[in-house]
Amino acid sequence: MGRGWLGQTGPERELLLVEAKAQLTELRAPCAATSPRSLDQITRAMATTKQALDVPVEYDWLGPYYQFCNRLAILNFLHGHGLKTHLLFIYFIGDTSTSGRRCPQCEVEWQEPLNRQA
């Protein structure tokens, strides 16, 4: 009998991380951490991931698009610990929320903002 997903003794498991967004403002959200300890830990995780992906150190991964960079850092961390993990991004269209935020009404409206993120 298995000992949970981390100590699985049977067939190897894979993880699927899912990130879903419906509003354009969610793409450009910066890091909201304020604790020096948290910021230090986040900065180190981002530096490790940038090095693994050969991203120039001067790129600011705590500013706009932080959430995307953070998901890459989590994926890198899990891979580094031998966990087969996949990352799936879902971008919804047609949201009719009354929050006042910009919600793409078709696929094309996501393309330019997502290209800026890369």
C-alpha atoms as a PDB file:
ATOM      1  CA  MET A   1       0.000   0.000   0.000  1.00  0.00           C
ATOM      2  CA  GLY A   2       1.251   3.506  -0.862  1.00  0.00           C
ATOM      3  CA  ARG A   3       2.353   6.057   1.731  1.00  0.00           C
ATOM      4  CA  GLY A   4       0.797   9.119   0.117  1.00  0.00           C
ATOM      5  CA  TRP A   5       1.739  10.924  -3.070  1.00  0.00           C
ATOM      6  CA  LEU A   6       5.270  11.894  -1.937  1.00  0.00           C
ATOM      7  CA  GLY A   7       6.138   8.427  -0.660  1.00  0.00           C
ATOM      8  CA  GLN A   8       4.296   6.498  -3.348  1.00  0.00           C
ATOM      9  CA  THR A   9       5.525   2.921  -3.603  1.00  0.00           C
ATOM     10  CA  GLY A  10       3.413   1.988  -6.642  1.00  0.00           C
ATOM     11  CA  PRO A  11       3.355   3.544 -10.112  1.00  0.00           C
ATOM     12  CA  GLU A  12       5.065   6.909 -10.390  1.00  0.00           C
ATOM     13  CA  ARG A  13       2.737   9.867 -10.066  1.00  0.00           C
ATOM     14  CA  GLU A  14       2.849  13.191 -11.849  1.00  0.00           C
ATOM     15  CA  LEU A  15       1.512  16.507 -10.603  1.00  0.00           C
ATOM     16  CA  LEU A  16      -0.522  18.988 -12.594  1.00  0.00           C
ATOM     17  CA  LEU A  17      -0.468  22.604 -11.434  1.00  0.00           C
ATOM     18  CA  VAL A  18      -3.299  24.700 -12.865  1.00  0.00           C
ATOM     19  CA  GLU A  19      -3.288  28.496 -13.122  1.00  0.00           C
ATOM     20  CA  ALA A  20      -6.510  30.117 -14.324  1.00  0.00           C
ATOM     21  CA  LYS A  21      -7.241  33.751 -15.050  1.00  0.00           C
ATOM     22  CA  ALA A  22     -10.215  35.672 -16.390  1.00  0.00           C
ATOM     23  CA  GLN A  23      -8.984  39.262 -16.138  1.00  0.00           C
ATOM     24  CA  LEU A  24      -6.070  41.072 -17.770  1.00  0.00           C
ATOM     25  CA  THR A  25      -5.104  42.931 -14.580  1.00  0.00           C
ATOM     26  CA  GLU A  26      -4.194  39.610 -12.971  1.00  0.00           C
ATOM     27  CA  LEU A  27      -1.288  39.209 -15.410  1.00  0.00           C
ATOM     28  CA  ARG A  28       0.589  42.315 -14.288  1.00  0.00           C
ATOM     29  CA  ALA A  29       0.254  41.933 -10.523  1.00  0.00           C
ATOM     30  CA  PRO A  30       3.567  42.488  -8.686  1.00  0.00           C
ATOM     31  CA  CYS A  31       4.794  40.604  -5.650  1.00  0.00           C
ATOM     32  CA  ALA A  32       2.824  41.707  -2.598  1.00  0.00           C
ATOM     33  CA  ALA A  33       5.166  40.278   0.058  1.00  0.00           C
ATOM     34  CA  THR A  34       6.360  42.841   2.587  1.00  0.00           C
ATOM     35  CA  SER A  35       8.211  40.771   5.173  1.00  0.00           C
ATOM     36  CA  PRO A  36      12.008  40.946   4.683  1.00  0.00           C
ATOM     37  CA  ARG A  37      12.233  37.215   5.402  1.00  0.00           C
ATOM     38  CA  SER A  38       9.580  36.389   2.799  1.00  0.00           C
ATOM     39  CA  LEU A  39      11.129  38.724   0.232  1.00  0.00           C
ATOM     40  CA  ASP A  40      14.528  37.135   0.789  1.00  0.00           C
ATOM     41  CA  GLN A  41      13.131  33.631   0.293  1.00  0.00           C
ATOM     42  CA  ILE A  42      11.203  34.682  -2.817  1.00  0.00           C
ATOM     43  CA  THR A  43      14.215  36.496  -4.271  1.00  0.00           C
ATOM     44  CA  ARG A  44      16.426  33.430  -3.768  1.00  0.00           C
ATOM     45  CA  ALA A  45      13.825  31.142  -5.395  1.00  0.00           C
ATOM     46  CA  MET A  46      13.543  33.499  -8.359  1.00  0.00           C
ATOM     47  CA  ALA A  47      17.330  33.725  -8.734  1.00  0.00           C
ATOM     48  CA  THR A  48      17.630  29.933  -8.712  1.00  0.00           C
ATOM     49  CA  THR A  49      14.934  29.621 -11.363  1.00  0.00           C
ATOM     50  CA  LYS A  50      16.402  32.365 -13.551  1.00  0.00           C
ATOM     51  CA  GLN A  51      19.751  30.593 -13.428  1.00  0.00           C
ATOM     52  CA  ALA A  52      18.144  27.242 -14.321  1.00  0.00           C
ATOM     53  CA  LEU A  53      16.341  28.822 -17.278  1.00  0.00           C
ATOM     54  CA  ASP A  54      19.312  30.982 -18.350  1.00  0.00           C
ATOM     55  CA  VAL A  55      17.368  34.206 -17.746  1.00  0.00           C
ATOM     56  CA  PRO A  56      19.487  37.342 -17.232  1.00  0.00           C
ATOM     57  CA  VAL A  57      19.767  38.209 -13.531  1.00  0.00           C
ATOM     58  CA  GLU A  58      18.734  41.826 -14.141  1.00  0.00           C
ATOM     59  CA  TYR A  59      15.203  40.824 -15.187  1.00  0.00           C
ATOM     60  CA  ASP A  60      12.792  41.874 -12.434  1.00  0.00           C
ATOM     61  CA  TRP A  61      10.663  38.883 -11.495  1.00  0.00           C
ATOM     62  CA  LEU A  62       9.104  40.609  -8.485  1.00  0.00           C
ATOM     63  CA  GLY A  63       7.443  43.343 -10.533  1.00  0.00           C
ATOM     64  CA  PRO A  64       4.765  42.980 -13.180  1.00  0.00           C
ATOM     65  CA  TYR A  65       4.111  39.367 -14.199  1.00  0.00           C
ATOM     66  CA  TYR A  66       5.247  38.156 -10.783  1.00  0.00           C
ATOM     67  CA  GLN A  67       2.558  35.477 -10.682  1.00  0.00           C
ATOM     68  CA  PHE A  68       3.829  33.909 -13.914  1.00  0.00           C
ATOM     69  CA  CYS A  69       7.424  33.990 -12.647  1.00  0.00           C
ATOM     70  CA  ASN A  70       6.342  32.544  -9.317  1.00  0.00           C
ATOM     71  CA  ARG A  71       4.645  29.610 -11.056  1.00  0.00           C
ATOM     72  CA  LEU A  72       7.869  28.936 -12.976  1.00  0.00           C
ATOM     73  CA  ALA A  73       9.798  29.004  -9.696  1.00  0.00           C
ATOM     74  CA  ILE A  74       7.382  26.512  -8.126  1.00  0.00           C
ATOM     75  CA  LEU A  75       7.678  24.247 -11.159  1.00  0.00           C
ATOM     76  CA  ASN A  76      11.469  24.485 -11.012  1.00  0.00           C
ATOM     77  CA  PHE A  77      11.449  23.698  -7.280  1.00  0.00           C
ATOM     78  CA  LEU A  78       9.295  20.603  -7.739  1.00  0.00           C
ATOM     79  CA  HIS A  79      11.376  19.372 -10.683  1.00  0.00           C
ATOM     80  CA  GLY A  80      14.504  19.937  -8.593  1.00  0.00           C
ATOM     81  CA  HIS A  81      13.071  17.617  -5.960  1.00  0.00           C
ATOM     82  CA  GLY A  82      12.410  14.865  -8.490  1.00  0.00           C
ATOM     83  CA  LEU A  83       8.659  15.406  -8.827  1.00  0.00           C
ATOM     84  CA  LYS A  84       7.343  15.139 -12.356  1.00  0.00           C
ATOM     85  CA  THR A  85       5.158  18.198 -12.616  1.00  0.00           C
ATOM     86  CA  HIS A  86       3.335  19.957 -15.433  1.00  0.00           C
ATOM     87  CA  LEU A  87       1.989  23.496 -15.464  1.00  0.00           C
ATOM     88  CA  LEU A  88      -1.269  24.297 -17.260  1.00  0.00           C
ATOM     89  CA  PHE A  89      -2.395  27.874 -17.862  1.00  0.00           C
ATOM     90  CA  ILE A  90      -6.096  28.483 -18.535  1.00  0.00           C
ATOM     91  CA  TYR A  91      -7.302  31.869 -19.748  1.00  0.00           C
ATOM     92  CA  PHE A  92     -11.050  32.354 -19.731  1.00  0.00           C
ATOM     93  CA  ILE A  93     -12.961  34.506 -22.167  1.00  0.00           C
ATOM     94  CA  GLY A  94     -16.369  36.084 -21.928  1.00  0.00           C
ATOM     95  CA  ASP A  95     -16.376  36.824 -18.186  1.00  0.00           C
ATOM     96  CA  THR A  96     -19.235  39.174 -17.396  1.00  0.00           C
ATOM     97  CA  SER A  97     -18.072  40.098 -13.900  1.00  0.00           C
ATOM     98  CA  THR A  98     -19.181  43.457 -12.626  1.00  0.00           C
ATOM     99  CA  SER A  99     -15.851  44.083 -10.874  1.00  0.00           C
ATOM    100  CA  GLY A 100     -14.894  46.762 -13.395  1.00  0.00           C
ATOM    101  CA  ARG A 101     -11.812  44.799 -14.476  1.00  0.00           C
ATOM    102  CA  ARG A 102     -10.981  44.122 -18.118  1.00  0.00           C
ATOM    103  CA  CYS A 103     -12.158  40.642 -19.092  1.00  0.00           C
ATOM    104  CA  PRO A 104     -11.207  39.432 -22.589  1.00  0.00           C
ATOM    105  CA  GLN A 105     -14.200  38.541 -24.697  1.00  0.00           C
ATOM    106  CA  CYS A 106     -12.265  36.487 -27.239  1.00  0.00           C
ATOM    107  CA  GLU A 107      -8.946  34.621 -27.544  1.00  0.00           C
ATOM    108  CA  VAL A 108      -7.290  37.410 -29.537  1.00  0.00           C
ATOM    109  CA  GLU A 109      -7.649  39.813 -26.599  1.00  0.00           C
ATOM    110  CA  TRP A 110      -5.327  37.587 -24.509  1.00  0.00           C
ATOM    111  CA  GLN A 111      -2.594  37.287 -27.163  1.00  0.00           C
ATOM    112  CA  GLU A 112      -0.815  40.642 -26.849  1.00  0.00           C
ATOM    113  CA  PRO A 113      -0.809  40.739 -23.019  1.00  0.00           C
ATOM    114  CA  LEU A 114       0.472  37.156 -22.875  1.00  0.00           C
ATOM    115  CA  ASN A 115       3.195  37.921 -25.424  1.00  0.00           C
ATOM    116  CA  ARG A 116       4.393  40.847 -23.234  1.00  0.00           C
ATOM    117  CA  GLN A 117       4.596  38.449 -20.298  1.00  0.00           C
ATOM    118  CA  ALA A 118       6.993  36.071 -22.043  1.00  0.00           C
END
